[in-house]
Amino acid sequence: MRPIPRRSFLKRQCAMSFLLLASSGCGSAGQAFHGVYAVTGTAHYSIQDIGHYSTQVSDTFRVSEGTASELLLTDAAGRCVLLADVEEAGATLRPGGSCTYPGDNGLTVTLTLTRGTVSLSGGSGRFDMAGTVTATARGRLYPGSYFQNATLTRVGK
């Protein structure tokens, strides 16, 4: 089977990096972290039959109070919903959260979180995460893994 073109895959990577970036804090102690954050950094992907790629991450996430967790992290398009729990000056993302992004030429990419942390100080911080990725194209699944290293900057309430 012919590999998926690299360009199709890379066009969606900026949107994917998301995911995951928001902040930390809910309830009385965490309310200070609720808001909108810009996320910038690098995501690294290794996908069977597609290859190894690194791409710039640039996205915006809203962090709000969750009902099933202390924090709820969502992207503007609603493609990504992540749960997190507050810990000291940061938050731990709950494993199993996923984000699905449509790509070019029928490619769909689904990221499933294995681990992730967010730390904040003032209006900025770090967001690091990792997990599995599944690219779907032409009726075939291409498994792999990803990790992301990014910074967060508060851009609104």
Protein backbone atom coordinates (compact mmCIF):
# COMPACT_ATOMS: atom_id res chain seq x y z
CA MET A 1 0.00 0.00 0.00
CA ARG A 2 1.28 3.45 -0.90
CA PRO A 3 2.16 5.75 2.06
CA ILE A 4 0.07 8.84 2.71
CA PRO A 5 1.68 11.99 1.28
CA ARG A 6 3.70 13.86 3.90
CA ARG A 7 2.17 17.22 2.98
CA SER A 8 -1.39 16.02 3.69
CA PHE A 9 -0.36 14.88 7.12
CA LEU A 10 1.65 17.97 8.05
CA LYS A 11 -1.08 20.49 7.15
CA ARG A 12 -3.16 19.31 10.10
CA GLN A 13 -0.40 19.14 12.66
CA CYS A 14 -0.61 22.78 13.73
CA ALA A 15 -4.26 22.35 14.57
CA MET A 16 -3.54 19.17 16.46
CA SER A 17 -1.27 20.59 18.88
CA PHE A 18 -3.68 21.63 20.84
CA LEU A 19 -4.87 20.28 22.27
CA LEU A 20 -3.85 20.11 25.32
CA LEU A 21 -2.62 23.13 26.53
CA ALA A 22 -4.58 24.98 28.79
CA SER A 23 -4.07 25.77 32.31
CA SER A 24 -4.60 24.43 35.66
CA GLY A 25 -6.92 25.11 38.40
CA CYS A 26 -10.52 24.85 39.29
CA GLY A 27 -12.73 25.27 42.25
CA SER A 28 -11.69 28.08 44.55
CA ALA A 29 -7.96 27.57 44.13
CA GLY A 30 -8.12 26.91 40.38
CA GLN A 31 -10.48 29.63 39.24
CA ALA A 32 -7.54 31.96 38.71
CA PHE A 33 -6.41 29.69 35.88
CA HIS A 34 -9.68 29.74 33.98
CA GLY A 35 -9.34 31.63 30.71
CA VAL A 36 -8.12 31.52 27.13
CA TYR A 37 -4.53 30.52 26.32
CA ALA A 38 -2.37 30.60 23.22
CA VAL A 39 -0.25 27.48 22.85
CA THR A 40 2.97 27.46 20.84
CA GLY A 41 5.65 24.82 20.59
CA THR A 42 6.60 21.67 18.73
CA ALA A 43 4.80 18.36 18.23
CA HIS A 44 6.66 15.22 17.19
CA TYR A 45 4.91 12.31 15.42
CA SER A 46 5.99 8.82 14.50
CA ILE A 47 3.36 7.01 12.40
CA GLN A 48 3.68 3.63 10.74
CA ASP A 49 3.96 3.92 6.92
CA ILE A 50 3.79 7.71 7.15
CA GLY A 51 7.03 8.48 8.95
CA HIS A 52 8.56 10.69 11.62
CA TYR A 53 7.63 14.37 11.59
CA SER A 54 8.00 17.44 13.75
CA THR A 55 5.77 20.44 13.30
CA GLN A 56 5.09 23.79 14.92
CA VAL A 57 2.12 23.97 17.27
CA SER A 58 -0.07 27.05 17.28
CA ASP A 59 -3.56 26.89 18.78
CA THR A 60 -5.92 28.49 21.28
CA PHE A 61 -7.67 26.68 24.14
CA ARG A 62 -10.22 27.64 26.76
CA VAL A 63 -9.81 26.35 30.30
CA SER A 64 -12.96 26.24 32.38
CA GLU A 65 -14.41 24.42 35.35
CA GLY A 66 -15.28 20.83 34.56
CA THR A 67 -18.11 18.67 35.83
CA ALA A 68 -16.38 15.27 35.55
CA SER A 69 -12.98 16.76 36.46
CA GLU A 70 -11.63 19.94 38.02
CA LEU A 71 -10.73 21.45 34.64
CA LEU A 72 -12.11 21.20 31.13
CA LEU A 73 -9.84 22.12 28.20
CA THR A 74 -11.44 22.73 24.80
CA ASP A 75 -10.30 24.11 21.47
CA ALA A 76 -12.38 26.72 19.62
CA ALA A 77 -13.64 24.24 16.98
CA GLY A 78 -14.80 21.66 19.52
CA ARG A 79 -12.58 18.92 18.06
CA CYS A 80 -10.72 18.41 21.30
CA VAL A 81 -12.01 17.97 24.84
CA LEU A 82 -9.55 17.15 27.61
CA LEU A 83 -10.04 16.67 31.34
CA ALA A 84 -7.49 17.71 33.96
CA ASP A 85 -7.05 17.75 37.72
CA VAL A 86 -5.29 20.49 39.67
CA GLU A 87 -2.03 19.69 41.45
CA GLU A 88 -0.07 22.43 43.26
CA ALA A 89 0.97 25.01 40.58
CA GLY A 90 -0.26 22.96 37.65
CA ALA A 91 -2.56 20.26 36.40
CA THR A 92 -2.35 16.68 35.24
CA LEU A 93 -4.27 15.74 32.12
CA ARG A 94 -6.36 12.61 32.46
CA PRO A 95 -5.32 9.72 30.20
CA GLY A 96 -7.77 8.70 27.50
CA GLY A 97 -8.81 12.14 26.31
CA SER A 98 -8.77 12.42 22.55
CA CYS A 99 -8.84 14.91 19.70
CA THR A 100 -9.81 14.17 16.12
CA TYR A 101 -8.77 16.34 13.20
CA PRO A 102 -9.76 16.03 9.54
CA GLY A 103 -6.94 16.31 7.05
CA ASP A 104 -6.46 16.60 3.32
CA ASN A 105 -7.19 13.79 0.87
CA GLY A 106 -9.50 11.96 3.29
CA LEU A 107 -6.94 11.72 6.09
CA THR A 108 -8.26 11.80 9.65
CA VAL A 109 -5.94 11.93 12.66
CA THR A 110 -6.99 10.96 16.18
CA LEU A 111 -4.74 11.68 19.16
CA THR A 112 -5.31 9.80 22.41
CA LEU A 113 -3.65 11.17 25.52
CA THR A 114 -1.48 8.87 27.63
CA ARG A 115 0.07 11.53 29.88
CA GLY A 116 0.32 15.29 30.10
CA THR A 117 1.02 18.13 32.48
CA VAL A 118 0.40 21.84 32.54
CA SER A 119 2.27 24.28 34.80
CA LEU A 120 1.57 28.00 35.16
CA SER A 121 3.18 30.97 36.80
CA GLY A 122 1.76 34.41 36.24
CA GLY A 123 0.20 34.44 32.79
CA SER A 124 2.42 31.85 31.15
CA GLY A 125 3.67 28.30 31.58
CA ARG A 126 4.46 24.93 30.01
CA PHE A 127 2.30 22.29 28.46
CA ASP A 128 3.81 18.88 27.74
CA MET A 129 1.91 15.78 26.67
CA ALA A 130 2.25 12.44 24.91
CA GLY A 131 0.15 9.57 23.66
CA THR A 132 -0.90 7.49 20.72
CA VAL A 133 -1.97 8.69 17.29
CA THR A 134 -4.02 6.90 14.67
CA ALA A 135 -4.12 8.23 11.13
CA THR A 136 -6.99 6.87 9.02
CA ALA A 137 -6.93 7.04 5.22
CA ARG A 138 -8.31 4.98 2.37
CA GLY A 139 -9.90 2.58 4.84
CA ARG A 140 -6.63 1.79 6.58
CA LEU A 141 -5.40 2.62 10.09
CA TYR A 142 -1.84 3.84 10.63
CA PRO A 143 -0.86 3.61 14.33
CA GLY A 144 1.83 5.67 15.97
CA SER A 145 2.81 7.93 18.82
CA TYR A 146 3.27 11.65 19.50
CA PHE A 147 4.63 14.02 22.09
CA GLN A 148 4.33 17.77 22.38
CA ASN A 149 6.38 20.43 24.18
CA ALA A 150 4.72 23.82 24.26
CA THR A 151 4.36 27.08 26.14
CA LEU A 152 1.12 28.71 27.25
CA THR A 153 0.32 32.40 27.31
CA ARG A 154 -2.91 33.84 28.69
CA VAL A 155 -4.70 35.86 26.02
CA GLY A 156 -8.12 36.40 27.63
CA LYS A 157 -10.67 35.50 30.28
